[in-house]
C-alpha cells in the first residue's frame, strides 16, 4: 500500500505558512553541501506538501531528503514566516515510523544498540580511568552528572575533568551506574514511543536515587531532561544544568578561579542544541573570557547563525557530515584563529574527526579541556 502523509492540524498550519521564499537557502547547511534546491528547507517543505497530496510517491530520494535534515533550526532563525520546519520534519518521521516506512536500517541498528547495551554506540565497557573515577563516588547523591553516550565511551577525559572541577567546588555528586541513553536521538528519528520508553527508565532511576539536580555535558541530553522529563509526570522538580552554566556560575561567585593563562586565539563553535534549541550562547563565552591570555574571535556565522556540524545525520550520511564540517573549517581559516572550542561532545567528535582531512591545521577543544 502506498504511503499517504496526513499531518496534524497544527503542522498543516505550519506547512501553509511556508511561502517558498528561499530565505532558508542562505542558512541550510545541507543545501550548502549539496547546492541543490531539493535539499534545503524549502525543497523539503515542497516534498512534504506533494507527499501529503499524493502527487509524489515515497522512494529512496524522498527518504534521503527527509532524513538528511539535521534538525539544526538554522532555517527557522532566518524564516520570515517563522515556520517550525523541524517540528514538521519530526512529525513526518514519526508517521513514517508508525507506517514501518522509516527510519533507515542504520537508524534501527542504533535503536537496537540502545536496547541491548544502553547506549547508541553499542559500547559495552568504559575506560579504566573513568571507571576508577566513578568508583570513588558515593552510590547516591542529590546531584548527578549524566555522562551521555559520546563523552562516556569516546571522550572520557572530558568527564574526568568535569569530575575534578566539581570536586574542587566541594560538590557532592554521583552518576547513574549502568547509565541508559537519554533517547533524544530516537525522538529526532520519529521513534517517539521508543524514546519515551527509554527516558521513562531513566526517570524511574532518578526517582529511586532521589536526584534533585542533573548536570550534563551533552546539549541534547540537557534539552531532553529540561523539557521532556516534566512531560512524563515524574522528576518534574529536578534542576537541569549544562556544564557551562555550572562553570560560569562558579567563576562568577569566585568558587573557581583560573590559575593559568592560555595565550591562544580561539573561535567558539555554538552547538545547535545548546544555542538555537536552549539559547545558551553566553555561558561558554563568559568562561573563555575569564581565562587569561585567550582572545575570543567570533566567526562570520556565529551564535544563532552558527554552522551545524552534522552530528545528527552522521549515521548513515557520514560523507555529508564531512562536508558540513569542511564548510565550518573554511570559516575558521578565514578568522585566522589557532583553535576551536565547543561545548558539545558530539560537535567535538565531528570536528575532531574531520579536522585532519581539511587543508589546514586546527586545534579543537571541548569545554572542559579549556580551564
Protein backbone atom coordinates (compact mmCIF):
# COMPACT_ATOMS: atom_id res chain seq x y z
CA UNK A 1 0.00 0.00 0.00
CA UNK A 2 1.32 3.44 -0.94
CA UNK A 3 2.26 5.75 1.93
CA UNK A 4 -0.03 8.78 2.31
CA UNK A 5 1.04 11.51 4.66
CA UNK A 6 -1.55 13.10 6.95
CA UNK A 7 -0.26 15.95 9.06
CA UNK A 8 -1.86 17.20 12.26
CA UNK A 9 -3.87 20.43 12.14
CA UNK A 10 -1.02 22.34 13.79
CA UNK A 11 1.63 21.06 11.37
CA UNK A 12 -0.65 21.68 8.37
CA UNK A 13 -0.89 25.27 9.55
CA UNK A 14 2.90 25.49 9.85
CA UNK A 15 3.36 23.99 6.38
CA UNK A 16 0.95 26.51 4.87
CA UNK A 17 2.96 29.35 6.42
CA UNK A 18 5.89 28.46 4.15
CA UNK A 19 5.57 30.72 1.10
CA UNK A 20 8.62 29.27 -0.68
CA UNK A 21 10.69 32.45 -0.42
CA UNK A 22 14.01 30.51 -0.27
CA UNK A 23 15.44 32.64 2.56
CA UNK A 24 16.28 29.32 4.24
CA UNK A 25 18.77 28.61 1.47
CA UNK A 26 21.22 31.08 2.99
CA UNK A 27 21.37 29.13 6.25
CA UNK A 28 20.64 25.47 5.49
CA UNK A 29 23.90 23.51 5.96
CA UNK A 30 22.70 20.64 3.78
CA UNK A 31 21.96 22.99 0.88
CA UNK A 32 25.46 24.48 1.18
CA UNK A 33 26.88 20.96 0.88
CA UNK A 34 24.61 19.80 -1.96
CA UNK A 35 23.89 23.09 -3.76
CA UNK A 36 20.59 21.68 -4.93
CA UNK A 37 17.18 23.19 -4.17
CA UNK A 38 15.59 19.89 -3.18
CA UNK A 39 17.98 19.54 -0.24
CA UNK A 40 17.12 22.75 1.62
CA UNK A 41 14.17 23.56 3.89
CA UNK A 42 12.05 24.94 1.07
CA UNK A 43 12.62 21.84 -1.01
CA UNK A 44 11.73 19.62 1.92
CA UNK A 45 8.54 21.54 2.61
CA UNK A 46 7.54 21.20 -1.04
CA UNK A 47 8.23 17.45 -0.88
CA UNK A 48 6.09 17.14 2.26
CA UNK A 49 3.26 19.05 0.58
CA UNK A 50 3.40 16.84 -2.54
CA UNK A 51 3.62 13.69 -0.43
CA UNK A 52 0.59 14.83 1.54
CA UNK A 53 -1.35 15.47 -1.65
CA UNK A 54 -0.35 12.13 -3.15
CA UNK A 55 1.43 13.80 -6.08
CA UNK A 56 4.73 12.03 -5.43
CA UNK A 57 5.44 8.57 -4.09
CA UNK A 58 7.71 7.70 -1.21
CA UNK A 59 11.02 6.43 -2.59
CA UNK A 60 14.68 6.46 -1.57
CA UNK A 61 15.17 10.00 -2.91
CA UNK A 62 12.33 11.37 -0.77
CA UNK A 63 13.56 9.43 2.27
CA UNK A 64 17.02 10.94 1.81
CA UNK A 65 15.55 14.44 1.83
CA UNK A 66 13.60 13.69 5.00
CA UNK A 67 16.40 12.03 6.94
CA UNK A 68 19.24 14.34 5.90
CA UNK A 69 17.59 17.28 7.63
CA UNK A 70 19.90 17.87 10.59
CA UNK A 71 17.05 19.45 12.60
CA UNK A 72 19.52 22.21 13.41
CA UNK A 73 16.90 25.00 13.29
CA UNK A 74 19.18 27.21 11.17
CA UNK A 75 16.40 27.79 8.67
CA UNK A 76 13.98 28.81 11.43
CA UNK A 77 16.26 31.66 12.50
CA UNK A 78 16.03 33.30 9.07
CA UNK A 79 12.47 32.29 8.09
CA UNK A 80 10.17 35.34 7.62
CA UNK A 81 7.12 33.17 8.23
CA UNK A 82 8.57 31.60 11.40
CA UNK A 83 7.74 28.14 10.07
CA UNK A 84 8.50 25.33 12.53
CA UNK A 85 10.42 23.28 9.98
CA UNK A 86 11.99 20.90 12.50
CA UNK A 87 8.60 20.06 14.03
CA UNK A 88 7.16 19.31 10.58
CA UNK A 89 10.09 17.04 9.70
CA UNK A 90 9.84 15.22 13.03
CA UNK A 91 6.10 14.64 12.55
CA UNK A 92 6.75 13.25 9.06
CA UNK A 93 9.40 10.93 10.50
CA UNK A 94 7.00 9.80 13.21
CA UNK A 95 4.38 8.90 10.62
CA UNK A 96 6.98 7.04 8.58
CA UNK A 97 7.99 5.08 11.68
CA UNK A 98 4.36 4.30 12.52
CA UNK A 99 3.83 3.03 8.97
CA UNK A 100 7.08 0.99 9.12
CA UNK A 101 8.47 3.04 6.22
CA UNK A 102 11.24 4.51 8.35
CA UNK A 103 13.63 5.21 9.87
CA UNK A 104 16.53 3.85 7.83
CA UNK A 105 18.16 0.47 8.58
CA UNK A 106 21.24 2.15 10.08
CA UNK A 107 18.97 4.10 12.43
CA UNK A 108 17.25 0.93 13.57
CA UNK A 109 20.66 -0.52 14.39
CA UNK A 110 21.19 2.36 16.81
CA UNK A 111 17.83 1.63 18.43
CA UNK A 112 18.94 -1.98 18.84
CA UNK A 113 22.22 -0.75 20.32
CA UNK A 114 20.35 1.24 22.97
CA UNK A 115 18.06 -1.67 23.78
CA UNK A 116 20.93 -4.14 24.15
CA UNK A 117 23.81 -2.04 25.53
CA UNK A 118 22.12 1.07 26.90
CA UNK A 119 23.96 3.39 24.50
CA UNK A 120 23.69 4.28 20.83
CA UNK A 121 27.32 3.33 20.14
CA UNK A 122 26.95 -0.33 21.21
CA UNK A 123 29.87 0.07 23.61
CA UNK A 124 29.98 -2.45 26.44
CA UNK A 125 32.68 -1.07 28.72
CA UNK A 126 34.00 2.32 29.79
CA UNK A 127 37.69 3.17 30.13
CA UNK A 128 39.56 2.05 33.27
CA UNK A 129 40.34 5.68 34.11
CA UNK A 130 36.67 6.67 34.04
CA UNK A 131 35.68 3.57 35.99
CA UNK A 132 38.27 4.44 38.64
CA UNK A 133 36.84 7.95 38.97
CA UNK A 134 33.30 6.58 39.29
CA UNK A 135 34.32 4.03 41.92
CA UNK A 136 35.39 6.88 44.20
CA UNK A 137 31.92 8.44 44.12
CA UNK A 138 29.07 7.77 46.53
CA UNK A 139 26.44 5.36 45.23
CA UNK A 140 23.77 8.05 45.51
CA UNK A 141 23.74 11.86 45.67
CA UNK A 142 21.27 14.71 45.21
CA UNK A 143 23.35 15.86 42.23
CA UNK A 144 24.33 13.55 39.38
CA UNK A 145 26.42 14.05 36.28
CA UNK A 146 24.60 12.44 33.37
CA UNK A 147 27.55 11.28 31.33
CA UNK A 148 25.95 10.77 27.88
CA UNK A 149 26.92 8.25 25.20
CA UNK A 150 29.72 10.14 23.40
CA UNK A 151 31.63 11.50 26.41
CA UNK A 152 31.23 8.32 28.42
CA UNK A 153 32.53 5.93 25.79
CA UNK A 154 34.61 8.01 23.37
CA UNK A 155 35.98 11.03 25.28
CA UNK A 156 36.06 10.06 28.97
CA UNK A 157 38.72 12.71 29.65
CA UNK A 158 36.00 15.35 29.28
CA UNK A 159 34.03 13.73 32.09
CA UNK A 160 37.02 13.09 34.32
CA UNK A 161 37.99 16.76 34.03
CA UNK A 162 34.46 17.83 34.92
CA UNK A 163 34.52 15.49 37.92
CA UNK A 164 37.74 17.10 39.15
CA UNK A 165 36.30 20.58 38.77
CA UNK A 166 33.16 19.64 40.71
CA UNK A 167 35.35 18.17 43.44
CA UNK A 168 37.27 21.46 43.64
CA UNK A 169 33.89 23.16 44.11
CA UNK A 170 33.16 20.78 47.03
CA UNK A 171 30.09 19.48 45.18
CA UNK A 172 28.82 16.11 46.34
CA UNK A 173 27.75 14.27 43.22
CA UNK A 174 27.46 10.86 41.65
CA UNK A 175 26.47 9.19 38.37
CA UNK A 176 23.88 6.62 37.43
CA UNK A 177 25.64 3.28 37.30
CA UNK A 178 24.83 1.49 34.02
CA UNK A 179 23.51 4.73 32.59
CA UNK A 180 20.97 4.49 29.74
CA UNK A 181 20.90 6.78 26.69
CA UNK A 182 18.56 9.76 27.17
CA UNK A 183 16.65 8.83 23.99
CA UNK A 184 16.89 12.23 22.33
CA UNK A 185 18.27 10.80 19.10
CA UNK A 186 15.38 8.31 18.88
CA UNK A 187 12.88 11.15 19.24
CA UNK A 188 14.53 13.03 16.39
CA UNK A 189 14.22 9.94 14.19
CA UNK A 190 10.48 9.84 14.78
CA UNK A 191 10.68 6.93 17.22
CA UNK A 192 8.65 8.84 19.79
CA UNK A 193 7.29 5.83 21.68
CA UNK A 194 10.71 4.19 21.92
CA UNK A 195 12.29 7.48 23.06
CA UNK A 196 9.67 7.89 25.78
CA UNK A 197 10.21 4.33 27.00
CA UNK A 198 13.98 4.87 27.24
CA UNK A 199 13.58 8.17 29.07
CA UNK A 200 11.00 6.66 31.43
CA UNK A 201 13.55 4.08 32.55
CA UNK A 202 15.99 6.85 33.44
CA UNK A 203 13.23 8.87 35.13
CA UNK A 204 12.46 5.92 37.38
CA UNK A 205 16.08 5.60 38.39
CA UNK A 206 16.32 9.33 39.09
CA UNK A 207 13.34 8.99 41.38
CA UNK A 208 14.83 5.98 43.15
CA UNK A 209 18.09 7.87 43.71
CA UNK A 210 16.33 10.99 44.99
CA UNK A 211 18.08 13.18 42.42
CA UNK A 212 17.44 16.92 42.67
CA UNK A 213 19.94 18.21 40.12
CA UNK A 214 21.31 16.90 36.81
CA UNK A 215 24.50 18.25 35.24
CA UNK A 216 25.27 17.19 31.70
CA UNK A 217 27.96 17.84 29.10
CA UNK A 218 25.69 16.93 26.19
CA UNK A 219 23.31 19.65 24.93
CA UNK A 220 20.91 17.02 23.56
CA UNK A 221 20.74 15.35 26.99
CA UNK A 222 20.28 18.81 28.53
CA UNK A 223 17.24 19.60 26.38
CA UNK A 224 15.75 16.14 26.90
CA UNK A 225 15.91 16.37 30.69
CA UNK A 226 14.94 20.04 30.74
CA UNK A 227 11.82 19.70 28.59
CA UNK A 228 10.81 16.04 28.29
CA UNK A 229 11.17 14.78 31.87
CA UNK A 230 8.35 17.03 33.17
CA UNK A 231 6.07 15.74 30.39
CA UNK A 232 6.40 12.23 31.82
CA UNK A 233 4.87 13.46 35.04
CA UNK A 234 7.93 12.40 37.02
CA UNK A 235 11.07 14.13 38.21
CA UNK A 236 9.49 17.49 37.35
CA UNK A 237 11.25 19.25 40.23
CA UNK A 238 14.74 18.28 39.13
CA UNK A 239 17.04 21.18 38.25
CA UNK A 240 18.83 20.63 34.95
CA UNK A 241 22.09 22.42 34.13
CA UNK A 242 24.56 22.26 31.32
CA UNK A 243 28.17 22.08 32.46
CA UNK A 244 28.89 25.55 31.06
CA UNK A 245 26.18 27.04 33.28
CA UNK A 246 27.73 25.40 36.33
CA UNK A 247 31.24 26.59 35.48
CA UNK A 248 30.14 30.11 34.61
CA UNK A 249 28.28 30.44 37.93
CA UNK A 250 31.24 29.08 39.90
CA UNK A 251 33.65 31.52 38.25
CA UNK A 252 31.33 34.48 38.81
CA UNK A 253 30.96 33.64 42.51
CA UNK A 254 34.66 33.01 42.98
CA UNK A 255 34.16 29.35 43.85
CA UNK A 256 36.50 28.58 40.95
CA UNK A 257 39.41 30.68 39.78
CA UNK A 258 41.55 30.40 36.68
CA UNK A 259 45.19 29.98 37.60
CA UNK A 260 47.00 29.54 34.29
CA UNK A 261 46.81 31.83 31.26
CA UNK A 262 46.32 30.26 27.85
CA UNK A 263 47.73 32.51 25.15
CA UNK A 264 45.76 31.43 22.12
CA UNK A 265 43.28 32.89 19.69
CA UNK A 266 40.09 30.81 19.73
CA UNK A 267 36.79 30.66 17.91
CA UNK A 268 33.81 29.25 19.80
CA UNK A 269 31.54 26.81 17.97
CA UNK A 270 27.89 27.15 19.09
CA UNK A 271 26.30 23.68 19.21
CA UNK A 272 22.81 23.63 17.66
CA UNK A 273 21.15 22.11 20.73
CA UNK A 274 22.88 24.45 23.17
CA UNK A 275 22.43 27.55 21.03
CA UNK A 276 19.36 27.52 18.81
CA UNK A 277 17.49 24.99 20.97
CA UNK A 278 18.41 26.10 24.50
CA UNK A 279 19.52 29.69 23.73
CA UNK A 280 22.62 29.28 25.90
CA UNK A 281 25.05 31.42 23.95
CA UNK A 282 26.78 33.40 26.68
CA UNK A 283 27.89 30.91 29.40
CA UNK A 284 30.62 29.26 27.28
CA UNK A 285 31.88 32.63 26.06
CA UNK A 286 31.90 34.06 29.58
CA UNK A 287 34.02 31.11 30.75
CA UNK A 288 36.57 31.68 27.99
CA UNK A 289 36.74 35.41 28.67
CA UNK A 290 37.76 34.69 32.26
CA UNK A 291 40.81 32.71 31.16
CA UNK A 292 43.83 34.98 30.89
CA UNK A 293 45.53 35.23 27.53
CA UNK A 294 42.63 33.94 25.44
CA UNK A 295 41.49 36.07 22.53
CA UNK A 296 37.96 35.04 21.58
CA UNK A 297 37.13 35.64 17.93
CA UNK A 298 33.57 35.44 16.60
CA UNK A 299 33.25 33.63 13.30
CA UNK A 300 31.38 35.15 10.38
CA UNK A 301 28.48 32.83 11.18
CA UNK A 302 28.07 32.73 14.93
CA UNK A 303 25.51 32.40 17.75
CA UNK A 304 22.05 31.73 16.23
CA UNK A 305 23.58 31.57 12.75
CA UNK A 306 26.39 29.18 13.66
CA UNK A 307 27.03 26.32 11.24
CA UNK A 308 25.83 22.82 12.13
CA UNK A 309 28.50 20.09 12.39
CA UNK A 310 26.13 17.43 11.03
CA UNK A 311 26.29 15.22 14.11
CA UNK A 312 22.61 14.26 13.94
CA UNK A 313 23.00 12.85 10.41
CA UNK A 314 26.43 11.23 10.73
CA UNK A 315 24.65 7.88 10.64
CA UNK A 316 24.24 6.97 7.83
CA UNK A 317 25.32 10.14 5.98
CA UNK A 318 28.93 10.39 7.14
CA UNK A 319 30.18 11.94 3.88
CA UNK A 320 27.56 14.66 4.13
CA UNK A 321 28.62 15.25 7.74
CA UNK A 322 32.18 15.64 6.50
CA UNK A 323 31.06 18.30 4.01
CA UNK A 324 29.33 20.27 6.76
CA UNK A 325 32.46 20.20 8.91
CA UNK A 326 34.65 21.27 5.99
CA UNK A 327 32.39 24.24 5.38
CA UNK A 328 32.72 25.15 9.05
CA UNK A 329 36.51 24.95 8.90
CA UNK A 330 36.51 27.21 5.84
CA UNK A 331 35.06 29.90 8.11
CA UNK A 332 37.58 29.07 10.81
CA UNK A 333 40.52 29.55 8.44
CA UNK A 334 39.20 32.97 7.39
CA UNK A 335 39.13 34.04 11.04
CA UNK A 336 42.85 33.21 11.46
CA UNK A 337 42.34 31.59 14.86
CA UNK A 338 44.59 28.92 16.37
CA UNK A 339 41.86 26.68 17.71
CA UNK A 340 38.17 25.94 18.07
CA UNK A 341 36.33 25.45 21.36
CA UNK A 342 32.95 23.81 21.63
CA UNK A 343 30.62 22.82 24.47
CA UNK A 344 29.19 19.64 22.96
CA UNK A 345 30.81 16.17 22.90
CA UNK A 346 29.13 15.39 19.57
CA UNK A 347 30.35 18.62 17.96
CA UNK A 348 33.78 17.90 19.38
CA UNK A 349 33.75 14.41 17.88
CA UNK A 350 32.69 15.57 14.42
CA UNK A 351 35.13 18.47 14.27
CA UNK A 352 37.99 16.48 15.79
CA UNK A 353 37.36 13.61 13.37
CA UNK A 354 37.29 15.76 10.26
CA UNK A 355 39.94 18.40 11.09
CA UNK A 356 42.88 16.22 9.90
CA UNK A 357 41.25 15.96 6.48
CA UNK A 358 40.95 19.68 5.90
CA UNK A 359 43.63 21.68 4.14
CA UNK A 360 44.72 23.36 7.33
CA UNK A 361 45.75 22.63 10.90
CA UNK A 362 43.17 23.50 13.55
CA UNK A 363 43.01 22.57 17.22
CA UNK A 364 39.64 21.53 18.61
CA UNK A 365 38.99 21.61 22.34
CA UNK A 366 35.99 20.51 24.40
CA UNK A 367 34.66 22.92 27.02
CA UNK A 368 36.08 21.01 29.99
CA UNK A 369 39.55 20.79 28.47
CA UNK A 370 39.97 24.56 28.49
CA UNK A 371 40.19 25.71 32.09
